[in-house]
PDB file of N, CA and C in Angstrom:
ATOM      1  N   UNK A   1       0.992  -1.452  -0.343  1.00  0.00           N
ATOM      2  CA  UNK A   1      -0.007   0.307   0.211  1.00  0.00           C
ATOM      3  C   UNK A   1       1.197   1.209  -0.431  1.00  0.00           C
ATOM      4  N   UNK A   2       0.155   2.404  -0.923  1.00  0.00           N
ATOM      5  CA  UNK A   2       1.014   3.770  -1.020  1.00  0.00           C
ATOM      6  C   UNK A   2       0.402   4.463  -0.611  1.00  0.00           C
ATOM      7  N   UNK A   3       1.667   5.521   0.082  1.00  0.00           N
ATOM      8  CA  UNK A   3       0.295   6.195   1.172  1.00  0.00           C
ATOM      9  C   UNK A   3       1.311   8.088   0.853  1.00  0.00           C
ATOM     10  N   UNK A   4       0.744   8.747   0.408  1.00  0.00           N
ATOM     11  CA  UNK A   4       0.976  10.089   0.250  1.00  0.00           C
ATOM     12  C   UNK A   4       1.672  10.515   1.220  1.00  0.00           C
ATOM     13  N   UNK A   5       3.175  11.106   0.015  1.00  0.00           N
ATOM     14  CA  UNK A   5       4.114  11.784   1.856  1.00  0.00           C
ATOM     15  C   UNK A   5       2.478  12.822   2.562  1.00  0.00           C
ATOM     16  N   UNK A   6       4.143  13.177   4.265  1.00  0.00           N
ATOM     17  CA  UNK A   6       3.084  14.262   4.652  1.00  0.00           C
ATOM     18  C   UNK A   6       3.283  15.195   4.320  1.00  0.00           C
ATOM     19  N   UNK A   7       2.147  16.520   4.715  1.00  0.00           N
ATOM     20  CA  UNK A   7       2.786  17.750   3.840  1.00  0.00           C
ATOM     21  C   UNK A   7       3.681  18.419   4.080  1.00  0.00           C
ATOM     22  N   UNK A   8       4.567  18.410   5.181  1.00  0.00           N
ATOM     23  CA  UNK A   8       6.097  18.839   6.411  1.00  0.00           C
ATOM     24  C   UNK A   8       6.853  17.874   5.155  1.00  0.00           C
ATOM     25  N   UNK A   9       7.073  17.083   4.275  1.00  0.00           N
ATOM     26  CA  UNK A   9       7.939  16.907   3.695  1.00  0.00           C
ATOM     27  C   UNK A   9       7.572  17.429   1.860  1.00  0.00           C
ATOM     28  N   UNK A  10       6.942  18.589   1.218  1.00  0.00           N
ATOM     29  CA  UNK A  10       7.422  19.289   0.355  1.00  0.00           C
ATOM     30  C   UNK A  10       7.903  20.724   1.245  1.00  0.00           C
ATOM     31  N   UNK A  11       8.789  21.483  -0.105  1.00  0.00           N
ATOM     32  CA  UNK A  11       8.331  22.868   0.179  1.00  0.00           C
ATOM     33  C   UNK A  11       7.283  23.575   0.544  1.00  0.00           C
ATOM     34  N   UNK A  12       7.057  24.679   1.666  1.00  0.00           N
ATOM     35  CA  UNK A  12       6.979  24.937   1.953  1.00  0.00           C
ATOM     36  C   UNK A  12       6.362  26.758   0.892  1.00  0.00           C
ATOM     37  N   UNK A  13       5.927  27.226   0.940  1.00  0.00           N
ATOM     38  CA  UNK A  13       5.655  28.530   0.266  1.00  0.00           C
ATOM     39  C   UNK A  13       6.622  29.448   0.746  1.00  0.00           C
ATOM     40  N   UNK A  14       6.424  28.993   2.418  1.00  0.00           N
ATOM     41  CA  UNK A  14       6.964  30.456   3.200  1.00  0.00           C
ATOM     42  C   UNK A  14       8.555  30.137   4.122  1.00  0.00           C
ATOM     43  N   UNK A  15       8.944  30.670   3.949  1.00  0.00           N
ATOM     44  CA  UNK A  15      10.222  30.416   6.013  1.00  0.00           C
ATOM     45  C   UNK A  15       9.855  32.152   6.457  1.00  0.00           C
ATOM     46  N   UNK A  16      10.146  32.269   7.677  1.00  0.00           N
ATOM     47  CA  UNK A  16       9.913  33.561   8.249  1.00  0.00           C
ATOM     48  C   UNK A  16      11.185  32.956   9.217  1.00  0.00           C
ATOM     49  N   UNK A  17      12.001  34.092  10.025  1.00  0.00           N
ATOM     50  CA  UNK A  17      13.022  33.618  11.093  1.00  0.00           C
ATOM     51  C   UNK A  17      12.723  34.964  12.372  1.00  0.00           C
ATOM     52  N   UNK A  18      12.475  34.349  13.684  1.00  0.00           N
ATOM     53  CA  UNK A  18      11.794  35.468  14.794  1.00  0.00           C
ATOM     54  C   UNK A  18      13.379  36.624  14.671  1.00  0.00           C
ATOM     55  N   UNK A  19      13.315  37.535  15.199  1.00  0.00           N
ATOM     56  CA  UNK A  19      14.595  38.070  15.338  1.00  0.00           C
ATOM     57  C   UNK A  19      14.722  38.608  16.008  1.00  0.00           C
ATOM     58  N   UNK A  20      13.721  39.439  17.082  1.00  0.00           N
ATOM     59  CA  UNK A  20      13.448  39.464  18.866  1.00  0.00           C
ATOM     60  C   UNK A  20      12.747  38.812  19.441  1.00  0.00           C
ATOM     61  N   UNK A  21      12.748  38.283  19.861  1.00  0.00           N
ATOM     62  CA  UNK A  21      11.531  37.478  21.117  1.00  0.00           C
ATOM     63  C   UNK A  21      11.416  38.132  22.003  1.00  0.00           C
ATOM     64  N   UNK A  22      10.881  39.372  22.680  1.00  0.00           N
ATOM     65  CA  UNK A  22      10.594  39.647  23.585  1.00  0.00           C
ATOM     66  C   UNK A  22       9.996  38.790  25.096  1.00  0.00           C
ATOM     67  N   UNK A  23       9.990  37.437  25.083  1.00  0.00           N
ATOM     68  CA  UNK A  23       9.549  37.811  26.752  1.00  0.00           C
ATOM     69  C   UNK A  23      10.359  36.960  26.978  1.00  0.00           C
ATOM     70  N   UNK A  24      11.553  36.945  26.041  1.00  0.00           N
ATOM     71  CA  UNK A  24      13.410  36.691  26.944  1.00  0.00           C
ATOM     72  C   UNK A  24      14.083  38.159  26.733  1.00  0.00           C
ATOM     73  N   UNK A  25      13.633  38.639  26.467  1.00  0.00           N
ATOM     74  CA  UNK A  25      15.062  39.426  25.488  1.00  0.00           C
ATOM     75  C   UNK A  25      15.629  40.037  26.995  1.00  0.00           C
ATOM     76  N   UNK A  26      14.858  40.961  28.063  1.00  0.00           N
ATOM     77  CA  UNK A  26      15.572  40.848  29.199  1.00  0.00           C
ATOM     78  C   UNK A  26      16.111  39.622  30.714  1.00  0.00           C
ATOM     79  N   UNK A  27      15.753  38.706  30.725  1.00  0.00           N
ATOM     80  CA  UNK A  27      15.672  38.028  31.316  1.00  0.00           C
ATOM     81  C   UNK A  27      16.323  36.983  31.369  1.00  0.00           C
ATOM     82  N   UNK A  28      16.429  36.506  30.130  1.00  0.00           N
ATOM     83  CA  UNK A  28      17.665  35.223  29.003  1.00  0.00           C
ATOM     84  C   UNK A  28      17.536  35.480  28.192  1.00  0.00           C
ATOM     85  N   UNK A  29      17.937  36.386  27.642  1.00  0.00           N
ATOM     86  CA  UNK A  29      18.684  36.980  25.913  1.00  0.00           C
ATOM     87  C   UNK A  29      19.112  35.152  25.689  1.00  0.00           C
ATOM     88  N   UNK A  30      19.811  34.385  26.682  1.00  0.00           N
ATOM     89  CA  UNK A  30      20.254  33.052  25.750  1.00  0.00           C
ATOM     90  C   UNK A  30      19.609  31.956  25.793  1.00  0.00           C
ATOM     91  N   UNK A  31      18.236  32.359  26.024  1.00  0.00           N
ATOM     92  CA  UNK A  31      17.666  30.990  26.779  1.00  0.00           C
ATOM     93  C   UNK A  31      16.171  31.042  25.532  1.00  0.00           C
ATOM     94  N   UNK A  32      16.325  32.886  24.061  1.00  0.00           N
ATOM     95  CA  UNK A  32      14.733  33.328  24.051  1.00  0.00           C
ATOM     96  C   UNK A  32      15.551  32.885  22.444  1.00  0.00           C
ATOM     97  N   UNK A  33      14.085  32.936  21.468  1.00  0.00           N
ATOM     98  CA  UNK A  33      14.438  32.676  20.083  1.00  0.00           C
ATOM     99  C   UNK A  33      14.951  33.521  18.932  1.00  0.00           C
ATOM    100  N   UNK A  34      15.266  34.295  18.855  1.00  0.00           N
ATOM    101  CA  UNK A  34      15.966  34.988  18.254  1.00  0.00           C
ATOM    102  C   UNK A  34      16.720  34.861  17.140  1.00  0.00           C
ATOM    103  N   UNK A  35      16.458  34.160  15.756  1.00  0.00           N
ATOM    104  CA  UNK A  35      17.750  33.277  15.330  1.00  0.00           C
ATOM    105  C   UNK A  35      16.794  32.136  14.506  1.00  0.00           C
ATOM    106  N   UNK A  36      15.467  32.049  15.702  1.00  0.00           N
ATOM    107  CA  UNK A  36      15.118  30.816  15.184  1.00  0.00           C
ATOM    108  C   UNK A  36      14.561  31.162  13.588  1.00  0.00           C
ATOM    109  N   UNK A  37      14.375  29.867  13.037  1.00  0.00           N
ATOM    110  CA  UNK A  37      13.917  30.662  11.703  1.00  0.00           C
ATOM    111  C   UNK A  37      12.784  28.480  10.979  1.00  0.00           C
ATOM    112  N   UNK A  38      11.603  28.573  10.492  1.00  0.00           N
ATOM    113  CA  UNK A  38      10.614  28.040   9.920  1.00  0.00           C
ATOM    114  C   UNK A  38      10.281  28.145   8.711  1.00  0.00           C
ATOM    115  N   UNK A  39       9.012  27.221   9.288  1.00  0.00           N
ATOM    116  CA  UNK A  39       9.385  25.676   9.229  1.00  0.00           C
ATOM    117  C   UNK A  39      10.385  24.304   8.724  1.00  0.00           C
ATOM    118  N   UNK A  40       9.888  24.087   9.623  1.00  0.00           N
ATOM    119  CA  UNK A  40      11.148  22.780   9.545  1.00  0.00           C
ATOM    120  C   UNK A  40      11.279  22.606   7.388  1.00  0.00           C
ATOM    121  N   UNK A  41      10.087  23.062   6.744  1.00  0.00           N
ATOM    122  CA  UNK A  41       9.903  22.551   5.866  1.00  0.00           C
ATOM    123  C   UNK A  41      10.824  23.481   5.030  1.00  0.00           C
ATOM    124  N   UNK A  42      10.902  24.987   5.488  1.00  0.00           N
ATOM    125  CA  UNK A  42      11.401  26.156   4.522  1.00  0.00           C
ATOM    126  C   UNK A  42      12.638  25.730   3.061  1.00  0.00           C
ATOM    127  N   UNK A  43      12.482  26.510   2.340  1.00  0.00           N
ATOM    128  CA  UNK A  43      12.569  25.629   1.021  1.00  0.00           C
ATOM    129  C   UNK A  43      14.407  26.485   1.501  1.00  0.00           C
ATOM    130  N   UNK A  44      15.384  26.415   0.516  1.00  0.00           N
ATOM    131  CA  UNK A  44      17.288  26.878   0.967  1.00  0.00           C
ATOM    132  C   UNK A  44      17.077  27.881   0.375  1.00  0.00           C
ATOM    133  N   UNK A  45      16.415  27.882  -0.590  1.00  0.00           N
ATOM    134  CA  UNK A  45      15.886  29.593  -0.884  1.00  0.00           C
ATOM    135  C   UNK A  45      15.748  30.454  -0.180  1.00  0.00           C
ATOM    136  N   UNK A  46      14.500  30.406   0.430  1.00  0.00           N
ATOM    137  CA  UNK A  46      14.306  31.551   0.790  1.00  0.00           C
ATOM    138  C   UNK A  46      14.842  31.706   2.060  1.00  0.00           C
ATOM    139  N   UNK A  47      15.305  30.345   2.831  1.00  0.00           N
ATOM    140  CA  UNK A  47      16.291  30.460   4.467  1.00  0.00           C
ATOM    141  C   UNK A  47      17.589  31.883   3.700  1.00  0.00           C
ATOM    142  N   UNK A  48      17.968  31.387   2.565  1.00  0.00           N
ATOM    143  CA  UNK A  48      18.864  31.957   2.162  1.00  0.00           C
ATOM    144  C   UNK A  48      18.829  33.286   1.543  1.00  0.00           C
ATOM    145  N   UNK A  49      17.133  34.512   1.578  1.00  0.00           N
ATOM    146  CA  UNK A  49      16.821  35.894   1.643  1.00  0.00           C
ATOM    147  C   UNK A  49      16.542  36.079   3.172  1.00  0.00           C
ATOM    148  N   UNK A  50      15.761  35.676   3.343  1.00  0.00           N
ATOM    149  CA  UNK A  50      16.017  35.424   5.423  1.00  0.00           C
ATOM    150  C   UNK A  50      17.053  36.033   5.931  1.00  0.00           C
ATOM    151  N   UNK A  51      18.142  34.935   5.545  1.00  0.00           N
ATOM    152  CA  UNK A  51      19.834  35.326   6.273  1.00  0.00           C
ATOM    153  C   UNK A  51      20.065  36.390   5.798  1.00  0.00           C
ATOM    154  N   UNK A  52      20.051  37.043   4.478  1.00  0.00           N
ATOM    155  CA  UNK A  52      20.448  37.511   3.973  1.00  0.00           C
ATOM    156  C   UNK A  52      19.822  39.432   3.528  1.00  0.00           C
ATOM    157  N   UNK A  53      19.209  39.716   5.365  1.00  0.00           N
ATOM    158  CA  UNK A  53      18.016  40.398   5.728  1.00  0.00           C
ATOM    159  C   UNK A  53      17.071  41.088   4.646  1.00  0.00           C
ATOM    160  N   UNK A  54      16.693  39.714   4.005  1.00  0.00           N
ATOM    161  CA  UNK A  54      15.132  39.859   3.283  1.00  0.00           C
ATOM    162  C   UNK A  54      14.137  39.481   4.368  1.00  0.00           C
ATOM    163  N   UNK A  55      13.113  39.853   3.677  1.00  0.00           N
ATOM    164  CA  UNK A  55      11.192  39.284   4.178  1.00  0.00           C
ATOM    165  C   UNK A  55      11.040  41.509   4.431  1.00  0.00           C
ATOM    166  N   UNK A  56       9.939  40.673   4.640  1.00  0.00           N
ATOM    167  CA  UNK A  56       8.682  41.657   5.072  1.00  0.00           C
ATOM    168  C   UNK A  56       8.008  41.168   6.926  1.00  0.00           C
ATOM    169  N   UNK A  57       8.148  42.401   7.547  1.00  0.00           N
ATOM    170  CA  UNK A  57       8.365  42.696   8.996  1.00  0.00           C
ATOM    171  C   UNK A  57       6.804  41.836   9.749  1.00  0.00           C
ATOM    172  N   UNK A  58       7.125  41.229  10.367  1.00  0.00           N
ATOM    173  CA  UNK A  58       5.755  41.270  10.975  1.00  0.00           C
ATOM    174  C   UNK A  58       5.962  41.347  13.048  1.00  0.00           C
ATOM    175  N   UNK A  59       4.183  40.749  13.340  1.00  0.00           N
ATOM    176  CA  UNK A  59       4.943  40.832  14.255  1.00  0.00           C
ATOM    177  C   UNK A  59       3.995  40.150  14.909  1.00  0.00           C
ATOM    178  N   UNK A  60       4.323  39.504  16.032  1.00  0.00           N
ATOM    179  CA  UNK A  60       3.556  38.553  16.456  1.00  0.00           C
ATOM    180  C   UNK A  60       2.420  38.779  18.659  1.00  0.00           C
ATOM    181  N   UNK A  61       1.368  39.101  18.728  1.00  0.00           N
ATOM    182  CA  UNK A  61       0.877  39.427  20.248  1.00  0.00           C
ATOM    183  C   UNK A  61      -0.132  38.447  19.858  1.00  0.00           C
ATOM    184  N   UNK A  62      -0.275  38.388  21.014  1.00  0.00           N
ATOM    185  CA  UNK A  62      -1.220  37.785  22.571  1.00  0.00           C
ATOM    186  C   UNK A  62      -2.427  38.282  22.724  1.00  0.00           C
ATOM    187  N   UNK A  63      -3.288  37.896  23.143  1.00  0.00           N
ATOM    188  CA  UNK A  63      -4.766  38.745  23.126  1.00  0.00           C
ATOM    189  C   UNK A  63      -4.684  40.603  23.508  1.00  0.00           C
ATOM    190  N   UNK A  64      -3.728  40.252  24.778  1.00  0.00           N
ATOM    191  CA  UNK A  64      -3.643  40.982  25.618  1.00  0.00           C
ATOM    192  C   UNK A  64      -3.373  42.227  24.708  1.00  0.00           C
ATOM    193  N   UNK A  65      -2.849  41.712  23.869  1.00  0.00           N
ATOM    194  CA  UNK A  65      -1.322  42.742  22.619  1.00  0.00           C
ATOM    195  C   UNK A  65      -0.668  43.175  22.986  1.00  0.00           C
ATOM    196  N   UNK A  66       0.295  42.517  24.399  1.00  0.00           N
ATOM    197  CA  UNK A  66       0.943  42.362  24.399  1.00  0.00           C
ATOM    198  C   UNK A  66       2.465  41.664  23.286  1.00  0.00           C
ATOM    199  N   UNK A  67       2.878  41.933  22.210  1.00  0.00           N
ATOM    200  CA  UNK A  67       3.901  42.013  21.654  1.00  0.00           C
ATOM    201  C   UNK A  67       5.057  40.860  22.351  1.00  0.00           C
ATOM    202  N   UNK A  68       5.871  39.493  21.699  1.00  0.00           N
ATOM    203  CA  UNK A  68       5.887  38.687  21.265  1.00  0.00           C
ATOM    204  C   UNK A  68       7.071  38.337  21.270  1.00  0.00           C
ATOM    205  N   UNK A  69       7.134  38.402  19.317  1.00  0.00           N
ATOM    206  CA  UNK A  69       7.414  38.574  18.172  1.00  0.00           C
ATOM    207  C   UNK A  69       8.259  39.492  17.891  1.00  0.00           C
ATOM    208  N   UNK A  70       8.842  39.526  17.339  1.00  0.00           N
ATOM    209  CA  UNK A  70       9.091  40.610  15.638  1.00  0.00           C
ATOM    210  C   UNK A  70      10.175  39.804  14.863  1.00  0.00           C
ATOM    211  N   UNK A  71       9.868  39.641  13.745  1.00  0.00           N
ATOM    212  CA  UNK A  71      10.464  38.591  12.396  1.00  0.00           C
ATOM    213  C   UNK A  71      10.279  39.910  10.917  1.00  0.00           C
ATOM    214  N   UNK A  72      10.900  38.547  10.301  1.00  0.00           N
ATOM    215  CA  UNK A  72      10.588  39.073   9.045  1.00  0.00           C
ATOM    216  C   UNK A  72      10.775  37.637   8.487  1.00  0.00           C
ATOM    217  N   UNK A  73       9.647  37.445   7.268  1.00  0.00           N
ATOM    218  CA  UNK A  73       7.980  36.661   6.357  1.00  0.00           C
ATOM    219  C   UNK A  73       9.306  37.129   5.246  1.00  0.00           C
ATOM    220  N   UNK A  74       9.673  35.633   4.274  1.00  0.00           N
ATOM    221  CA  UNK A  74       9.426  35.387   2.682  1.00  0.00           C
ATOM    222  C   UNK A  74       8.460  34.611   2.304  1.00  0.00           C
ATOM    223  N   UNK A  75       8.291  35.093   0.793  1.00  0.00           N
ATOM    224  CA  UNK A  75       7.038  34.025   0.242  1.00  0.00           C
ATOM    225  C   UNK A  75       7.506  34.041  -0.283  1.00  0.00           C
ATOM    226  N   UNK A  76       7.747  32.324  -1.136  1.00  0.00           N
ATOM    227  CA  UNK A  76       7.484  32.022  -2.598  1.00  0.00           C
ATOM    228  C   UNK A  76       6.971  32.731  -3.948  1.00  0.00           C
ATOM    229  N   UNK A  77       5.888  33.570  -4.192  1.00  0.00           N
ATOM    230  CA  UNK A  77       5.709  34.635  -4.806  1.00  0.00           C
ATOM    231  C   UNK A  77       4.403  34.811  -3.850  1.00  0.00           C
ATOM    232  N   UNK A  78       5.435  36.401  -3.741  1.00  0.00           N
ATOM    233  CA  UNK A  78       4.832  37.730  -2.970  1.00  0.00           C
ATOM    234  C   UNK A  78       4.014  37.636  -3.974  1.00  0.00           C
ATOM    235  N   UNK A  79       3.199  37.515  -4.708  1.00  0.00           N
ATOM    236  CA  UNK A  79       2.212  38.860  -4.942  1.00  0.00           C
ATOM    237  C   UNK A  79       1.347  38.070  -5.189  1.00  0.00           C
ATOM    238  N   UNK A  80       0.693  36.090  -4.622  1.00  0.00           N
ATOM    239  CA  UNK A  80      -0.135  35.172  -5.056  1.00  0.00           C
ATOM    240  C   UNK A  80       0.442  34.643  -3.496  1.00  0.00           C
ATOM    241  N   UNK A  81       0.092  35.340  -2.272  1.00  0.00           N
ATOM    242  CA  UNK A  81       0.809  35.203  -0.532  1.00  0.00           C
ATOM    243  C   UNK A  81      -0.291  34.157   0.023  1.00  0.00           C
ATOM    244  N   UNK A  82      -1.098  33.080   0.211  1.00  0.00           N
ATOM    245  CA  UNK A  82      -1.672  32.144   0.901  1.00  0.00           C
ATOM    246  C   UNK A  82      -1.861  32.194   2.773  1.00  0.00           C
ATOM    247  N   UNK A  83      -3.916  32.380   3.015  1.00  0.00           N
ATOM    248  CA  UNK A  83      -3.771  32.873   4.143  1.00  0.00           C
ATOM    249  C   UNK A  83      -2.959  31.451   5.394  1.00  0.00           C
ATOM    250  N   UNK A  84      -2.403  30.234   4.554  1.00  0.00           N
ATOM    251  CA  UNK A  84      -1.589  29.782   5.541  1.00  0.00           C
ATOM    252  C   UNK A  84      -0.447  30.415   5.792  1.00  0.00           C
ATOM    253  N   UNK A  85       0.575  30.868   3.663  1.00  0.00           N
ATOM    254  CA  UNK A  85       1.983  31.351   4.777  1.00  0.00           C
ATOM    255  C   UNK A  85       1.467  32.599   5.355  1.00  0.00           C
ATOM    256  N   UNK A  86       0.860  33.303   4.885  1.00  0.00           N
ATOM    257  CA  UNK A  86       0.318  34.993   5.991  1.00  0.00           C
ATOM    258  C   UNK A  86       0.293  35.004   7.460  1.00  0.00           C
ATOM    259  N   UNK A  87      -0.621  33.413   7.894  1.00  0.00           N
ATOM    260  CA  UNK A  87      -0.808  33.304   8.838  1.00  0.00           C
ATOM    261  C   UNK A  87       1.415  32.082   9.663  1.00  0.00           C
ATOM    262  N   UNK A  88       2.528  31.809   8.355  1.00  0.00           N
ATOM    263  CA  UNK A  88       2.867  30.774   8.836  1.00  0.00           C
ATOM    264  C   UNK A  88       3.488  30.950  10.413  1.00  0.00           C
ATOM    265  N   UNK A  89       4.060  32.221  10.964  1.00  0.00           N
ATOM    266  CA  UNK A  89       5.315  33.203  12.192  1.00  0.00           C
ATOM    267  C   UNK A  89       3.909  31.655  13.500  1.00  0.00           C
ATOM    268  N   UNK A  90       2.448  31.940  13.114  1.00  0.00           N
ATOM    269  CA  UNK A  90       1.860  32.805  13.999  1.00  0.00           C
ATOM    270  C   UNK A  90       1.382  30.885  14.531  1.00  0.00           C
ATOM    271  N   UNK A  91       0.504  30.319  13.258  1.00  0.00           N
ATOM    272  CA  UNK A  91       0.816  29.002  13.146  1.00  0.00           C
ATOM    273  C   UNK A  91       1.462  27.916  13.849  1.00  0.00           C
ATOM    274  N   UNK A  92       2.143  27.918  12.900  1.00  0.00           N
ATOM    275  CA  UNK A  92       4.032  27.340  13.346  1.00  0.00           C
ATOM    276  C   UNK A  92       4.507  27.387  14.669  1.00  0.00           C
ATOM    277  N   UNK A  93       4.918  28.634  15.027  1.00  0.00           N
ATOM    278  CA  UNK A  93       5.109  28.615  16.518  1.00  0.00           C
ATOM    279  C   UNK A  93       5.006  29.519  17.355  1.00  0.00           C
ATOM    280  N   UNK A  94       4.558  30.399  16.998  1.00  0.00           N
ATOM    281  CA  UNK A  94       3.353  31.299  18.531  1.00  0.00           C
ATOM    282  C   UNK A  94       2.501  31.395  19.060  1.00  0.00           C
ATOM    283  N   UNK A  95       1.635  29.989  17.966  1.00  0.00           N
ATOM    284  CA  UNK A  95       0.874  29.851  19.128  1.00  0.00           C
ATOM    285  C   UNK A  95       0.837  28.581  19.458  1.00  0.00           C
ATOM    286  N   UNK A  96       1.573  27.910  19.270  1.00  0.00           N
ATOM    287  CA  UNK A  96       1.396  26.736  19.634  1.00  0.00           C
ATOM    288  C   UNK A  96       3.028  26.572  20.535  1.00  0.00           C
ATOM    289  N   UNK A  97       3.578  27.779  20.899  1.00  0.00           N
ATOM    290  CA  UNK A  97       4.488  27.994  22.333  1.00  0.00           C
ATOM    291  C   UNK A  97       4.486  28.728  22.818  1.00  0.00           C
ATOM    292  N   UNK A  98       3.245  29.653  22.887  1.00  0.00           N
ATOM    293  CA  UNK A  98       3.321  30.726  23.695  1.00  0.00           C
ATOM    294  C   UNK A  98       1.834  31.129  23.978  1.00  0.00           C
ATOM    295  N   UNK A  99       1.037  30.159  23.612  1.00  0.00           N
ATOM    296  CA  UNK A  99      -0.753  31.050  23.531  1.00  0.00           C
ATOM    297  C   UNK A  99      -0.244  31.823  23.049  1.00  0.00           C
ATOM    298  N   UNK A 100      -0.077  32.358  21.750  1.00  0.00           N
ATOM    299  CA  UNK A 100      -0.075  33.949  20.992  1.00  0.00           C
ATOM    300  C   UNK A 100      -1.048  33.396  19.931  1.00  0.00           C
ATOM    301  N   UNK A 101      -1.480  34.641  19.845  1.00  0.00           N
ATOM    302  CA  UNK A 101      -2.877  35.073  19.176  1.00  0.00           C
ATOM    303  C   UNK A 101      -2.806  36.159  17.862  1.00  0.00           C
ATOM    304  N   UNK A 102      -2.459  35.802  17.812  1.00  0.00           N
ATOM    305  CA  UNK A 102      -2.330  37.603  16.583  1.00  0.00           C
ATOM    306  C   UNK A 102      -0.890  38.392  15.576  1.00  0.00           C
ATOM    307  N   UNK A 103      -0.824  38.218  14.606  1.00  0.00           N
ATOM    308  CA  UNK A 103      -0.084  38.095  14.280  1.00  0.00           C
ATOM    309  C   UNK A 103      -0.243  39.529  12.871  1.00  0.00           C
ATOM    310  N   UNK A 104       0.500  40.375  12.831  1.00  0.00           N
ATOM    311  CA  UNK A 104       0.250  41.710  12.046  1.00  0.00           C
ATOM    312  C   UNK A 104       2.064  41.616  11.579  1.00  0.00           C
ATOM    313  N   UNK A 105       1.876  42.860  10.121  1.00  0.00           N
ATOM    314  CA  UNK A 105       2.181  43.303   9.134  1.00  0.00           C
ATOM    315  C   UNK A 105       2.224  44.719   9.219  1.00  0.00           C
ATOM    316  N   UNK A 106       4.225  45.032   8.933  1.00  0.00           N
ATOM    317  CA  UNK A 106       3.347  46.473   8.075  1.00  0.00           C
ATOM    318  C   UNK A 106       4.369  46.867   6.630  1.00  0.00           C
ATOM    319  N   UNK A 107       2.735  47.673   7.109  1.00  0.00           N
ATOM    320  CA  UNK A 107       1.805  48.384   5.349  1.00  0.00           C
ATOM    321  C   UNK A 107       1.852  49.597   5.928  1.00  0.00           C
ATOM    322  N   UNK A 108       2.933  50.210   4.995  1.00  0.00           N
ATOM    323  CA  UNK A 108       3.402  52.279   5.234  1.00  0.00           C
ATOM    324  C   UNK A 108       3.022  51.933   6.366  1.00  0.00           C
ATOM    325  N   UNK A 109       4.087  52.072   6.703  1.00  0.00           N
ATOM    326  CA  UNK A 109       4.687  52.747   8.096  1.00  0.00           C
ATOM    327  C   UNK A 109       3.074  52.202   9.377  1.00  0.00           C
ATOM    328  N   UNK A 110       2.625  51.165   9.298  1.00  0.00           N
ATOM    329  CA  UNK A 110       0.851  50.669   9.979  1.00  0.00           C
ATOM    330  C   UNK A 110       1.127  49.466  10.193  1.00  0.00           C
ATOM    331  N   UNK A 111       0.900  49.374  11.743  1.00  0.00           N
ATOM    332  CA  UNK A 111       0.965  48.130  11.974  1.00  0.00           C
ATOM    333  C   UNK A 111      -0.796  47.416  11.955  1.00  0.00           C
ATOM    334  N   UNK A 112      -0.747  46.330  10.832  1.00  0.00           N
ATOM    335  CA  UNK A 112      -2.013  45.333  10.568  1.00  0.00           C
ATOM    336  C   UNK A 112      -2.168  44.372  11.021  1.00  0.00           C
ATOM    337  N   UNK A 113      -3.680  44.440  10.860  1.00  0.00           N
ATOM    338  CA  UNK A 113      -3.335  42.458  11.515  1.00  0.00           C
ATOM    339  C   UNK A 113      -4.599  41.267  10.722  1.00  0.00           C
ATOM    340  N   UNK A 114      -3.397  40.971  10.416  1.00  0.00           N
ATOM    341  CA  UNK A 114      -4.575  39.731   9.988  1.00  0.00           C
ATOM    342  C   UNK A 114      -5.794  39.712  10.434  1.00  0.00           C
TER     343      UNK A 114
END
């Protein structure tokens, strides 16, 4: 019997990086998530762009509005971004890890909630 490949073995259409971990920054910076990249199936070419300063800035907050993380994301096709890709850092990492509930992107100098 043949089984389809699990979804996380196919390349993702995005890659993200946490640049600042506000939860750990002051108290335990060495234990924080700054520098973390994902998802685990992120394509090498998108990680390369992140490693060279590319990407769209996002921030992740909890339901009280406290900012947990600041990071960047790159998309395989910036003109056709799926909901899964745009919510990727929240769904892949910050939601399950810390209970974060909101992701915002910088647009025309303002934070915009998806």
